[in-house]
Amino acid sequence: MHPTFSVVFFTTATGAGYGLLALLGVLGGLGFVEPDFWLGLVGMGLALGLIAAGLLSSTGHLGRPERAWRAFSQWRSSWLSREGVSSMATFIPAGLFGIGWVLLGRHGGWVAVAGLLTALGAVTTVCTTGMIYASLKPIAQWHSRFTLPGYLIFSAMTGAVLLNALLQVFGVGSVALPAFSVLATLAGWGWKLATWRYNDRLEIPTTANTATGLAGGTVRSLEWPHTEENYLLKEMGFRIARKHAAKLRRIAQALAFALPALFIAGAFVLPWPAAAVLSTLAALLQFAGMLVERWLFFAEAKHTVTLYYGR
């Protein structure tokens, strides 16, 4: 698939934003993170800002962005529509939670309920985003058991690393959250390696022979259906050189997983200013690394329509 930056940024930003929002809703609502106006304002602002920026950027690849609202009406059959509905619905409990936890400085009671509903909405939205791609049968690299759990793992990972950076900056860091951030990052790394291994060994059963029903030889196209590249080849037939893919995989592993885990682990043994700097660098590097990882997620996917062009 041709990686459009608006979609790459959308999946990266909303994943991190919903992960942070879910953790704030649970930990803040239940009192594990004490109410603090500036911490809450920055945390909720960052989470909702990433979500809003991602949702707005997703309209950048639409031919008629002003008609995007019509997608909401297809929620019975479309995962894209369900994503839109759940993303908008999540803003309601998130707003109530923000009022209670940030403005009123409260936790427990109705604030905890609003926080849990916010987390539930965030997880549901991430699931619908993952299902948009996991439900596409023509793209074997996405239509697998790795896609949906990967979205959830990466959202929890990036959200935890962001929250850890915020708590360290405000001087209220704990031992549990950095440990969870490192474990989530290592889990995401392992899941990504397993996904790549699965995709590299994937044997797509569909061929030109099975598509035409012809046997007894190898079906080949004598010439293309047209004389120049069209939308299908640009959007569905993007090809990336193997050496470039290998290099980008190493960059993604270093930025999204290895360095953030190392920096957060190093923050355990350093005093406050240095720990805050390392935690912030870990969050920034991981976001950049996830942009690379998401770009590869799209670039390495192969649509079966390319069989008609001998690919």
Protein backbone atom coordinates (compact mmCIF):
# COMPACT_ATOMS: atom_id res chain seq x y z
CA MET A 1 0.00 0.00 0.00
CA HIS A 2 1.14 3.57 -0.66
CA PRO A 3 1.82 5.16 2.76
CA THR A 4 -0.01 8.48 2.95
CA PHE A 5 1.46 10.63 5.73
CA SER A 6 -1.98 11.69 6.95
CA VAL A 7 -2.91 8.05 7.64
CA VAL A 8 0.50 7.26 9.16
CA PHE A 9 0.22 10.25 11.50
CA PHE A 10 -3.42 9.41 12.28
CA THR A 11 -2.69 5.87 13.45
CA THR A 12 0.37 6.96 15.44
CA ALA A 13 -1.15 10.03 17.11
CA THR A 14 -4.52 8.51 17.98
CA GLY A 15 -2.92 5.32 19.26
CA ALA A 16 -0.71 7.27 21.66
CA GLY A 17 -3.51 9.68 22.57
CA TYR A 18 -6.04 6.97 23.37
CA GLY A 19 -3.44 5.01 25.30
CA LEU A 20 -2.63 8.04 27.45
CA LEU A 21 -6.32 8.90 27.86
CA ALA A 22 -7.18 5.37 29.01
CA LEU A 23 -4.38 5.32 31.59
CA LEU A 24 -5.34 8.76 32.90
CA GLY A 25 -8.97 7.67 33.19
CA VAL A 26 -8.14 4.54 35.17
CA LEU A 27 -5.23 5.74 37.31
CA GLY A 28 -6.60 9.24 37.88
CA GLY A 29 -10.19 8.19 38.47
CA LEU A 30 -9.24 5.49 40.98
CA GLY A 31 -6.79 7.76 42.82
CA PHE A 32 -3.51 6.09 41.85
CA VAL A 33 -2.49 9.44 40.36
CA GLU A 34 -3.54 12.24 42.70
CA PRO A 35 -5.47 15.18 41.21
CA ASP A 36 -3.22 18.07 40.25
CA PHE A 37 -4.49 20.94 38.12
CA TRP A 38 -1.45 21.50 35.93
CA LEU A 39 -0.61 17.82 35.58
CA GLY A 40 -4.21 17.04 34.69
CA LEU A 41 -4.48 19.98 32.31
CA VAL A 42 -1.30 19.08 30.44
CA GLY A 43 -2.07 15.35 30.47
CA MET A 44 -5.65 15.63 29.27
CA GLY A 45 -4.68 18.37 26.82
CA LEU A 46 -1.92 16.21 25.35
CA ALA A 47 -4.16 13.12 25.08
CA LEU A 48 -7.12 14.93 23.53
CA GLY A 49 -4.81 17.06 21.38
CA LEU A 50 -3.14 13.98 19.87
CA ILE A 51 -6.54 12.40 19.24
CA ALA A 52 -7.99 15.54 17.65
CA ALA A 53 -4.89 16.10 15.51
CA GLY A 54 -4.97 12.49 14.35
CA LEU A 55 -8.67 12.59 13.51
CA LEU A 56 -8.28 15.84 11.59
CA SER A 57 -5.27 14.53 9.68
CA SER A 58 -7.24 11.44 8.64
CA THR A 59 -9.38 13.65 6.41
CA GLY A 60 -6.28 14.70 4.45
CA HIS A 61 -6.39 11.66 2.18
CA LEU A 62 -10.08 12.06 1.37
CA GLY A 63 -11.12 13.41 -2.00
CA ARG A 64 -14.02 15.33 -0.46
CA PRO A 65 -13.16 15.94 3.24
CA GLU A 66 -16.34 17.99 3.73
CA ARG A 67 -18.35 14.78 3.27
CA ALA A 68 -16.47 12.86 5.98
CA TRP A 69 -19.45 13.20 8.32
CA ARG A 70 -21.45 10.83 6.09
CA ALA A 71 -19.25 7.92 7.17
CA PHE A 72 -20.90 7.99 10.60
CA SER A 73 -24.15 6.67 9.12
CA GLN A 74 -22.64 3.32 8.08
CA TRP A 75 -21.85 2.04 11.57
CA ARG A 76 -23.87 -1.16 11.05
CA SER A 77 -21.48 -2.49 8.42
CA SER A 78 -18.32 -0.37 8.37
CA TRP A 79 -15.47 -0.51 10.90
CA LEU A 80 -14.42 2.93 9.71
CA SER A 81 -17.83 4.30 10.64
CA ARG A 82 -17.74 2.50 14.00
CA GLU A 83 -14.36 4.07 14.65
CA GLY A 84 -15.79 7.52 14.00
CA VAL A 85 -18.81 6.94 16.24
CA SER A 86 -16.77 5.52 19.12
CA SER A 87 -14.15 8.26 18.87
CA MET A 88 -16.79 10.96 19.15
CA ALA A 89 -18.65 9.13 21.93
CA THR A 90 -15.44 8.87 23.97
CA PHE A 91 -15.22 12.66 24.23
CA ILE A 92 -18.37 12.71 26.42
CA PRO A 93 -17.04 10.72 29.43
CA ALA A 94 -13.59 12.23 28.83
CA GLY A 95 -15.06 15.70 29.26
CA LEU A 96 -16.84 14.70 32.48
CA PHE A 97 -13.69 13.06 33.80
CA GLY A 98 -11.66 16.16 32.97
CA ILE A 99 -14.11 18.37 34.84
CA GLY A 100 -14.01 16.18 37.92
CA TRP A 101 -10.35 15.24 38.04
CA VAL A 102 -8.73 18.40 36.65
CA LEU A 103 -11.06 21.26 37.55
CA LEU A 104 -12.63 19.94 40.76
CA GLY A 105 -9.60 17.98 41.94
CA ARG A 106 -11.63 14.88 42.80
CA HIS A 107 -11.34 11.15 42.27
CA GLY A 108 -13.52 8.19 43.11
CA GLY A 109 -17.32 8.20 42.85
CA TRP A 110 -18.70 9.58 39.62
CA VAL A 111 -15.23 10.77 38.58
CA ALA A 112 -13.99 7.18 38.73
CA VAL A 113 -17.00 6.00 36.72
CA ALA A 114 -16.34 8.68 34.09
CA GLY A 115 -12.67 7.70 34.03
CA LEU A 116 -13.45 4.02 33.51
CA LEU A 117 -15.96 4.85 30.76
CA THR A 118 -13.30 7.04 29.15
CA ALA A 119 -10.83 4.14 29.21
CA LEU A 120 -13.48 1.80 27.81
CA GLY A 121 -14.23 4.23 24.98
CA ALA A 122 -10.53 4.63 24.22
CA VAL A 123 -9.95 0.87 24.06
CA THR A 124 -13.05 0.40 21.91
CA THR A 125 -11.90 3.07 19.46
CA VAL A 126 -8.44 1.51 19.15
CA CYS A 127 -10.10 -1.87 18.51
CA THR A 128 -12.25 -0.43 15.72
CA THR A 129 -9.18 1.19 14.16
CA GLY A 130 -7.35 -2.13 14.20
CA MET A 131 -10.35 -3.92 12.72
CA ILE A 132 -10.43 -1.54 9.77
CA TYR A 133 -7.23 -3.20 8.58
CA ALA A 134 -7.65 -6.67 10.07
CA SER A 135 -10.97 -7.09 8.22
CA LEU A 136 -9.46 -6.48 4.76
CA LYS A 137 -9.15 -9.96 3.26
CA PRO A 138 -7.41 -8.83 0.02
CA ILE A 139 -4.37 -7.71 2.09
CA ALA A 140 -2.94 -10.84 3.72
CA GLN A 141 -0.38 -8.94 5.83
CA TRP A 142 -3.21 -7.14 7.62
CA HIS A 143 -5.82 -9.89 7.64
CA SER A 144 -4.03 -11.83 10.38
CA ARG A 145 -4.15 -12.47 14.11
CA PHE A 146 -1.33 -9.98 14.69
CA THR A 147 -3.02 -6.77 13.56
CA LEU A 148 -5.66 -6.06 16.22
CA PRO A 149 -3.54 -7.06 19.26
CA GLY A 150 -0.70 -5.01 17.78
CA TYR A 151 -2.84 -1.87 17.79
CA LEU A 152 -3.79 -2.44 21.43
CA ILE A 153 -0.23 -3.22 22.54
CA PHE A 154 1.24 -0.20 20.77
CA SER A 155 -1.46 2.09 22.16
CA ALA A 156 -0.81 0.90 25.73
CA MET A 157 2.95 1.15 25.18
CA THR A 158 3.01 4.69 23.79
CA GLY A 159 0.41 5.87 26.29
CA ALA A 160 2.41 4.50 29.22
CA VAL A 161 5.65 6.06 28.03
CA LEU A 162 3.91 9.43 27.58
CA LEU A 163 2.32 9.27 31.03
CA ASN A 164 5.62 8.28 32.60
CA ALA A 165 7.29 11.30 30.99
CA LEU A 166 4.55 13.60 32.30
CA LEU A 167 4.79 12.27 35.84
CA GLN A 168 8.58 12.54 35.80
CA VAL A 169 8.45 16.13 34.56
CA PHE A 170 6.03 17.06 37.35
CA GLY A 171 8.15 15.21 39.90
CA VAL A 172 5.52 12.65 40.89
CA GLY A 173 7.02 9.60 39.19
CA SER A 174 6.58 6.14 40.67
CA VAL A 175 8.33 2.79 40.32
CA ALA A 176 5.33 0.91 38.95
CA LEU A 177 4.68 3.06 35.88
CA PRO A 178 8.28 3.09 34.55
CA ALA A 179 8.42 -0.67 35.04
CA PHE A 180 5.15 -1.08 33.16
CA SER A 181 6.40 1.25 30.41
CA VAL A 182 9.56 -0.84 29.93
CA LEU A 183 7.60 -4.11 29.94
CA ALA A 184 5.02 -2.73 27.50
CA THR A 185 7.80 -1.49 25.20
CA LEU A 186 9.53 -4.87 25.25
CA ALA A 187 6.18 -6.58 24.61
CA GLY A 188 5.57 -4.27 21.65
CA TRP A 189 9.04 -5.03 20.32
CA GLY A 190 8.49 -8.77 20.59
CA TRP A 191 5.07 -8.51 18.94
CA LYS A 192 6.49 -6.47 16.07
CA LEU A 193 9.29 -8.98 15.48
CA ALA A 194 6.75 -11.82 15.50
CA THR A 195 4.57 -9.90 13.04
CA TRP A 196 7.47 -9.32 10.66
CA ARG A 197 8.50 -12.97 10.89
CA TYR A 198 4.96 -14.08 10.09
CA ASN A 199 4.61 -11.68 7.15
CA ASP A 200 8.02 -12.59 5.70
CA ARG A 201 7.05 -16.28 5.65
CA LEU A 202 3.51 -15.62 4.48
CA GLU A 203 2.44 -17.59 1.44
CA ILE A 204 -0.52 -15.94 -0.27
CA PRO A 205 -2.75 -18.70 -1.71
CA THR A 206 -4.32 -16.49 -4.40
CA THR A 207 -2.61 -16.58 -7.78
CA ALA A 208 -3.54 -15.71 -11.34
CA ASN A 209 -4.43 -19.40 -11.79
CA THR A 210 -6.86 -19.48 -8.87
CA ALA A 211 -8.36 -16.14 -9.92
CA THR A 212 -9.10 -17.39 -13.43
CA GLY A 213 -9.82 -21.02 -12.54
CA LEU A 214 -7.30 -22.24 -15.11
CA ALA A 215 -4.94 -25.15 -14.40
CA GLY A 216 -2.24 -27.12 -16.19
CA GLY A 217 0.24 -24.25 -16.42
CA THR A 218 1.13 -20.79 -15.18
CA VAL A 219 -1.27 -18.01 -16.12
CA ARG A 220 0.51 -14.82 -17.14
CA SER A 221 -0.75 -11.51 -18.43
CA LEU A 222 0.52 -10.64 -21.90
CA GLU A 223 0.24 -6.90 -21.25
CA TRP A 224 -1.20 -4.47 -18.73
CA PRO A 225 -4.86 -3.47 -18.93
CA HIS A 226 -3.68 0.09 -19.68
CA THR A 227 -0.56 1.91 -20.84
CA GLU A 228 0.42 3.92 -17.74
CA GLU A 229 0.21 3.73 -13.96
CA ASN A 230 -3.19 4.45 -12.45
CA TYR A 231 -4.71 4.85 -9.01
CA LEU A 232 -4.63 1.11 -8.30
CA LEU A 233 -0.91 0.82 -8.88
CA LYS A 234 -0.08 4.00 -6.99
CA GLU A 235 -2.25 3.21 -3.97
CA MET A 236 -2.46 -0.60 -3.98
CA GLY A 237 0.74 -1.61 -5.74
CA PHE A 238 3.41 0.40 -3.92
CA ARG A 239 6.74 -1.44 -3.78
CA ILE A 240 9.61 -0.87 -1.40
CA ALA A 241 13.08 -2.30 -1.98
CA ARG A 242 14.05 -5.08 0.42
CA LYS A 243 17.24 -3.29 1.48
CA HIS A 244 15.28 -0.13 2.31
CA ALA A 245 12.70 -2.11 4.28
CA ALA A 246 15.46 -3.81 6.30
CA LYS A 247 17.08 -0.46 7.08
CA LEU A 248 13.78 1.11 8.12
CA ARG A 249 13.02 -1.89 10.32
CA ARG A 250 16.27 -1.36 12.19
CA ILE A 251 15.49 2.35 12.59
CA ALA A 252 12.00 1.56 13.89
CA GLN A 253 13.35 -0.95 16.38
CA ALA A 254 15.95 1.47 17.68
CA LEU A 255 13.66 4.50 18.00
CA ALA A 256 10.38 2.88 19.03
CA PHE A 257 11.61 0.11 21.31
CA ALA A 258 15.31 -0.19 22.18
CA LEU A 259 16.20 3.41 23.07
CA PRO A 260 12.95 4.21 24.96
CA ALA A 261 13.32 1.06 27.08
CA LEU A 262 16.97 1.90 27.77
CA PHE A 263 16.24 5.53 28.65
CA ILE A 264 13.35 4.68 30.97
CA ALA A 265 15.44 2.01 32.68
CA GLY A 266 18.22 4.57 33.12
CA ALA A 267 15.78 6.99 34.73
CA PHE A 268 15.39 4.52 37.62
CA VAL A 269 18.85 5.28 38.95
CA LEU A 270 19.07 9.00 38.18
CA PRO A 271 17.83 11.99 40.22
CA TRP A 272 14.80 14.05 39.21
CA PRO A 273 16.05 16.45 36.53
CA ALA A 274 17.97 13.79 34.60
CA ALA A 275 15.18 11.23 35.00
CA ALA A 276 12.66 13.71 33.59
CA VAL A 277 14.89 14.49 30.61
CA LEU A 278 15.49 10.83 29.82
CA SER A 279 11.79 10.00 30.14
CA THR A 280 10.84 12.87 27.84
CA LEU A 281 13.44 11.81 25.27
CA ALA A 282 12.09 8.27 25.44
CA ALA A 283 8.57 9.51 24.62
CA LEU A 284 9.76 11.70 21.73
CA LEU A 285 11.96 8.98 20.23
CA GLN A 286 9.22 6.40 20.53
CA PHE A 287 6.71 8.62 18.74
CA ALA A 288 9.21 9.14 15.90
CA GLY A 289 9.92 5.42 15.79
CA MET A 290 6.23 4.56 15.63
CA LEU A 291 5.85 6.89 12.63
CA VAL A 292 8.48 4.78 10.88
CA GLU A 293 6.86 1.54 12.03
CA ARG A 294 3.42 2.64 10.83
CA TRP A 295 4.90 3.72 7.48
CA LEU A 296 6.29 0.21 7.07
CA PHE A 297 2.95 -1.25 8.14
CA PHE A 298 1.39 0.31 5.04
CA ALA A 299 4.37 0.11 2.66
CA GLU A 300 4.98 -3.62 3.12
CA ALA A 301 1.33 -4.61 2.62
CA LYS A 302 0.50 -6.20 -0.72
CA HIS A 303 -2.97 -6.02 -2.28
CA THR A 304 -4.06 -8.98 -4.39
CA VAL A 305 -5.17 -6.60 -7.17
CA THR A 306 -1.50 -6.44 -8.20
CA LEU A 307 -1.87 -9.98 -9.59
CA TYR A 308 -3.52 -8.41 -12.62
CA TYR A 309 -0.27 -6.57 -13.29
CA GLY A 310 2.02 -9.55 -12.97
CA ARG A 311 3.34 -8.63 -9.51
